[in-house]
Structure formats: C-alpha cells, structure tokens
Amino acid sequence: MAYNELLAERMREALENTKGVIEKKMFGGVAFMWKDKMFCGIIKDDMMVRVLEERYDELVEKDHARPMDFVKTRPMRGFI
C-alpha cells in the first residue's frame, strides 16, 4: 500500500461536494488539487494540508503537526 486508502476515502467523502477538486497521484501518494494547486493529500499514513502562510508558524507547533517533509528535498513551507 503506497498510501492509507481508508484515510483517502474519508478525504474523498469530505470533498465530494466541492466543485473543481481533482485527485492526482503524487509523491507516491494521492493529492487533492483545486485550481491546479495542491491543498491536501496523503502519503503512507500521513495527511498533508496547505495552511495560510501567516498561520504556518503557529499551526506547525500543534500536537500531531510537523513540516511537510515527505519528499527527500527540503520541507515544503506552507504545508503541515
């Protein structure tokens, strides 16, 4: 299993009534895109979410949050 299919299904259900959302395979997982920009996704058992830049420092400090570092390059700022 490349990514948690149960978590992906929960995300699909939550987004099913949101117009313009596209699901794409990325980073060995699945990403959800809107207007050609990724806003959330799943890699293995981890969910990634785009957050407002001005709230990133605050939100990355929350329990169960960390910088998005799923890819081997540098962490993607703006994603937790």
Protein backbone atom coordinates (compact mmCIF):
# COMPACT_ATOMS: atom_id res chain seq x y z
CA MET A 1 0.00 0.00 0.00
CA ALA A 2 1.54 3.30 -1.10
CA TYR A 3 -0.87 5.35 0.99
CA ASN A 4 -3.64 4.85 3.54
CA GLU A 5 -6.67 4.08 1.38
CA LEU A 6 -9.10 4.44 4.32
CA LEU A 7 -7.84 7.97 5.00
CA ALA A 8 -8.03 8.75 1.28
CA GLU A 9 -11.64 7.58 1.18
CA ARG A 10 -12.51 9.79 4.17
CA MET A 11 -10.99 12.76 2.34
CA ARG A 12 -12.87 11.90 -0.87
CA GLU A 13 -16.14 11.79 1.06
CA ALA A 14 -15.41 15.11 2.78
CA LEU A 15 -14.61 16.75 -0.57
CA GLU A 16 -17.25 15.10 -2.75
CA ASN A 17 -19.48 18.19 -2.92
CA THR A 18 -16.64 20.64 -3.52
CA LYS A 19 -16.61 21.71 -7.17
CA GLY A 20 -13.35 21.79 -9.06
CA VAL A 21 -11.40 19.38 -6.83
CA ILE A 22 -9.20 16.95 -8.76
CA GLU A 23 -7.48 13.89 -7.29
CA LYS A 24 -3.97 13.12 -8.57
CA LYS A 25 -1.33 10.55 -7.73
CA MET A 26 1.77 12.39 -6.47
CA PHE A 27 4.81 11.71 -4.28
CA GLY A 28 3.85 8.03 -4.15
CA GLY A 29 0.55 9.01 -2.58
CA VAL A 30 -2.55 10.95 -3.52
CA ALA A 31 -3.07 14.71 -3.69
CA PHE A 32 -6.21 16.80 -3.95
CA MET A 33 -5.94 19.83 -6.20
CA TRP A 34 -8.05 22.93 -6.73
CA LYS A 35 -7.25 25.43 -9.48
CA ASP A 36 -4.07 23.43 -10.23
CA LYS A 37 -2.77 23.81 -6.66
CA MET A 38 -2.42 21.02 -4.13
CA PHE A 39 -4.29 21.77 -0.90
CA CYS A 40 -4.16 18.40 0.84
CA GLY A 41 -3.07 14.83 0.32
CA ILE A 42 -1.87 11.58 1.81
CA ILE A 43 1.48 9.81 1.77
CA LYS A 44 1.65 6.46 3.56
CA ASP A 45 -0.33 7.11 6.78
CA ASP A 46 0.36 10.86 6.87
CA MET A 47 -2.04 13.58 5.81
CA MET A 48 -0.63 16.84 4.46
CA VAL A 49 -2.54 20.11 4.44
CA ARG A 50 -1.78 23.53 2.99
CA VAL A 51 -2.19 26.26 5.61
CA LEU A 52 -2.21 30.03 5.40
CA GLU A 53 1.34 31.36 5.28
CA GLU A 54 0.66 33.83 8.10
CA ARG A 55 -0.50 30.97 10.37
CA TYR A 56 2.15 28.40 9.41
CA ASP A 57 4.49 29.01 12.38
CA GLU A 58 1.59 28.77 14.84
CA LEU A 59 -0.01 25.67 13.29
CA VAL A 60 3.18 23.66 12.78
CA GLU A 61 3.64 23.74 16.58
CA LYS A 62 0.30 21.99 17.25
CA ASP A 63 0.18 18.40 18.51
CA HIS A 64 0.42 15.88 15.67
CA ALA A 65 1.66 18.53 13.20
CA ARG A 66 5.08 18.91 11.60
CA PRO A 67 6.53 20.46 8.47
CA MET A 68 5.72 18.52 5.31
CA ASP A 69 8.94 16.61 4.75
CA PHE A 70 7.65 13.56 2.89
CA VAL A 71 9.79 14.21 -0.17
CA LYS A 72 13.57 13.88 0.08
CA THR A 73 14.26 17.55 -0.62
CA ARG A 74 13.68 20.40 1.82
CA PRO A 75 10.35 20.68 3.72
CA MET A 76 7.59 22.48 1.82
CA ARG A 77 6.76 25.64 3.75
CA GLY A 78 3.05 26.25 3.87
CA PHE A 79 2.25 22.55 4.30
CA ILE A 80 1.97 20.65 7.57
